[in-house]
Amino acid sequence: MAENIYDEIEIEDMTFDSTLQIYHYPCPCGDRFEIALADLRDKEDIAVCPSCSLMIRVIFEVDDLPKPEEEPAEEQAAPMAVAA
């Protein structure tokens, strides 16, 4: 599989789509490499192009990834006063 690694790309050079929760980067074939934020959190580092066999290795730190948006909402909902 390593023979298909086209390049190593810093995550800062990729574009993040917050709606789809994916990072993408242009592929030489005209399509784009894609990797899901969830995969990055699971320490996966290979982005694939759906149109060709090329892959890139994404260079990143898990701690630098965007935080899940549901965490702050849960924290806000947690303190509830109970009337006695």
C-alpha atoms as a PDB file:
ATOM      1  CA  MET A   1       0.000   0.000   0.000  1.00  0.00           C
ATOM      2  CA  ALA A   2       2.884   2.393   0.667  1.00  0.00           C
ATOM      3  CA  GLU A   3       3.658   2.430  -3.057  1.00  0.00           C
ATOM      4  CA  ASN A   4       0.472   4.448  -3.667  1.00  0.00           C
ATOM      5  CA  ILE A   5       1.371   7.255  -1.219  1.00  0.00           C
ATOM      6  CA  TYR A   6       1.612  10.250  -3.525  1.00  0.00           C
ATOM      7  CA  ASP A   7       2.807  12.805  -0.973  1.00  0.00           C
ATOM      8  CA  GLU A   8       2.804  13.860   2.671  1.00  0.00           C
ATOM      9  CA  ILE A   9       0.691  16.949   3.336  1.00  0.00           C
ATOM     10  CA  GLU A  10       0.480  19.113   6.454  1.00  0.00           C
ATOM     11  CA  ILE A  11      -3.108  19.391   7.666  1.00  0.00           C
ATOM     12  CA  GLU A  12      -2.738  23.188   7.614  1.00  0.00           C
ATOM     13  CA  ASP A  13      -2.449  22.958   3.810  1.00  0.00           C
ATOM     14  CA  MET A  14      -5.757  21.098   3.525  1.00  0.00           C
ATOM     15  CA  THR A  15      -9.259  22.622   3.438  1.00  0.00           C
ATOM     16  CA  PHE A  16     -11.751  21.723   6.178  1.00  0.00           C
ATOM     17  CA  ASP A  17     -15.432  21.359   5.270  1.00  0.00           C
ATOM     18  CA  SER A  18     -17.264  21.891   8.566  1.00  0.00           C
ATOM     19  CA  THR A  19     -20.600  20.757   7.112  1.00  0.00           C
ATOM     20  CA  LEU A  20     -19.292  17.376   5.938  1.00  0.00           C
ATOM     21  CA  GLN A  21     -16.624  17.164   8.693  1.00  0.00           C
ATOM     22  CA  ILE A  22     -13.889  16.262   6.180  1.00  0.00           C
ATOM     23  CA  TYR A  23     -10.532  17.630   5.153  1.00  0.00           C
ATOM     24  CA  HIS A  24      -9.734  17.701   1.449  1.00  0.00           C
ATOM     25  CA  TYR A  25      -6.775  18.489  -0.804  1.00  0.00           C
ATOM     26  CA  PRO A  26      -6.516  18.680  -4.626  1.00  0.00           C
ATOM     27  CA  CYS A  27      -5.446  15.476  -6.395  1.00  0.00           C
ATOM     28  CA  PRO A  28      -3.416  15.593  -9.644  1.00  0.00           C
ATOM     29  CA  CYS A  29      -6.230  13.635 -11.375  1.00  0.00           C
ATOM     30  CA  GLY A  30      -8.596  16.588 -10.972  1.00  0.00           C
ATOM     31  CA  ASP A  31     -10.600  15.210  -8.035  1.00  0.00           C
ATOM     32  CA  ARG A  32      -9.519  15.620  -4.402  1.00  0.00           C
ATOM     33  CA  PHE A  33      -8.117  13.571  -1.554  1.00  0.00           C
ATOM     34  CA  GLU A  34     -10.517  13.306   1.388  1.00  0.00           C
ATOM     35  CA  ILE A  35     -10.301  12.190   5.001  1.00  0.00           C
ATOM     36  CA  ALA A  36     -13.000  12.439   7.653  1.00  0.00           C
ATOM     37  CA  LEU A  37     -12.378  14.308  10.880  1.00  0.00           C
ATOM     38  CA  ALA A  38     -13.551  11.212  12.780  1.00  0.00           C
ATOM     39  CA  ASP A  39     -10.855   9.132  11.042  1.00  0.00           C
ATOM     40  CA  LEU A  40      -8.196  11.658  12.017  1.00  0.00           C
ATOM     41  CA  ARG A  41      -9.393  11.506  15.639  1.00  0.00           C
ATOM     42  CA  ASP A  42      -8.975   7.723  15.395  1.00  0.00           C
ATOM     43  CA  LYS A  43      -5.354   8.395  14.343  1.00  0.00           C
ATOM     44  CA  GLU A  44      -5.910   7.395  10.702  1.00  0.00           C
ATOM     45  CA  ASP A  45      -3.569   9.462   8.525  1.00  0.00           C
ATOM     46  CA  ILE A  46      -4.240   8.332   4.946  1.00  0.00           C
ATOM     47  CA  ALA A  47      -6.491  10.476   2.741  1.00  0.00           C
ATOM     48  CA  VAL A  48      -7.735   8.799  -0.430  1.00  0.00           C
ATOM     49  CA  CYS A  49      -8.866  10.081  -3.801  1.00  0.00           C
ATOM     50  CA  PRO A  50     -12.168   8.481  -4.847  1.00  0.00           C
ATOM     51  CA  SER A  51     -11.294   8.798  -8.565  1.00  0.00           C
ATOM     52  CA  CYS A  52      -7.829   7.259  -8.725  1.00  0.00           C
ATOM     53  CA  SER A  53      -5.519   5.020  -6.717  1.00  0.00           C
ATOM     54  CA  LEU A  54      -3.450   7.828  -5.165  1.00  0.00           C
ATOM     55  CA  MET A  55      -3.317   8.470  -1.427  1.00  0.00           C
ATOM     56  CA  ILE A  56      -1.613  11.070   0.734  1.00  0.00           C
ATOM     57  CA  ARG A  57      -0.370  10.869   4.295  1.00  0.00           C
ATOM     58  CA  VAL A  58      -1.743  13.684   6.451  1.00  0.00           C
ATOM     59  CA  ILE A  59       0.709  15.155   8.946  1.00  0.00           C
ATOM     60  CA  PHE A  60      -1.197  16.323  12.053  1.00  0.00           C
ATOM     61  CA  GLU A  61      -1.487  16.257  15.827  1.00  0.00           C
ATOM     62  CA  VAL A  62      -4.733  14.831  17.256  1.00  0.00           C
ATOM     63  CA  ASP A  63      -4.746  17.561  19.942  1.00  0.00           C
ATOM     64  CA  ASP A  64      -4.823  20.265  17.228  1.00  0.00           C
ATOM     65  CA  LEU A  65      -7.980  18.953  15.513  1.00  0.00           C
ATOM     66  CA  PRO A  66     -11.273  20.855  15.856  1.00  0.00           C
ATOM     67  CA  LYS A  67     -13.105  19.812  18.995  1.00  0.00           C
ATOM     68  CA  PRO A  68     -16.482  18.065  18.699  1.00  0.00           C
ATOM     69  CA  GLU A  69     -19.260  20.680  18.777  1.00  0.00           C
ATOM     70  CA  GLU A  70     -21.597  18.636  20.968  1.00  0.00           C
ATOM     71  CA  GLU A  71     -19.327  18.816  24.040  1.00  0.00           C
ATOM     72  CA  PRO A  72     -20.069  22.466  25.013  1.00  0.00           C
ATOM     73  CA  ALA A  73     -23.840  21.897  24.607  1.00  0.00           C
ATOM     74  CA  GLU A  74     -23.728  18.937  27.000  1.00  0.00           C
ATOM     75  CA  GLU A  75     -21.814  20.997  29.547  1.00  0.00           C
ATOM     76  CA  GLN A  76     -24.387  23.817  29.360  1.00  0.00           C
ATOM     77  CA  ALA A  77     -27.310  21.408  29.789  1.00  0.00           C
ATOM     78  CA  ALA A  78     -25.781  19.566  32.743  1.00  0.00           C
ATOM     79  CA  PRO A  79     -26.400  22.022  35.645  1.00  0.00           C
ATOM     80  CA  MET A  80     -30.150  21.811  36.264  1.00  0.00           C
ATOM     81  CA  ALA A  81     -31.798  23.083  39.418  1.00  0.00           C
ATOM     82  CA  VAL A  82     -34.353  20.791  40.970  1.00  0.00           C
ATOM     83  CA  ALA A  83     -37.200  22.497  42.828  1.00  0.00           C
ATOM     84  CA  ALA A  84     -37.909  20.973  46.229  1.00  0.00           C
END
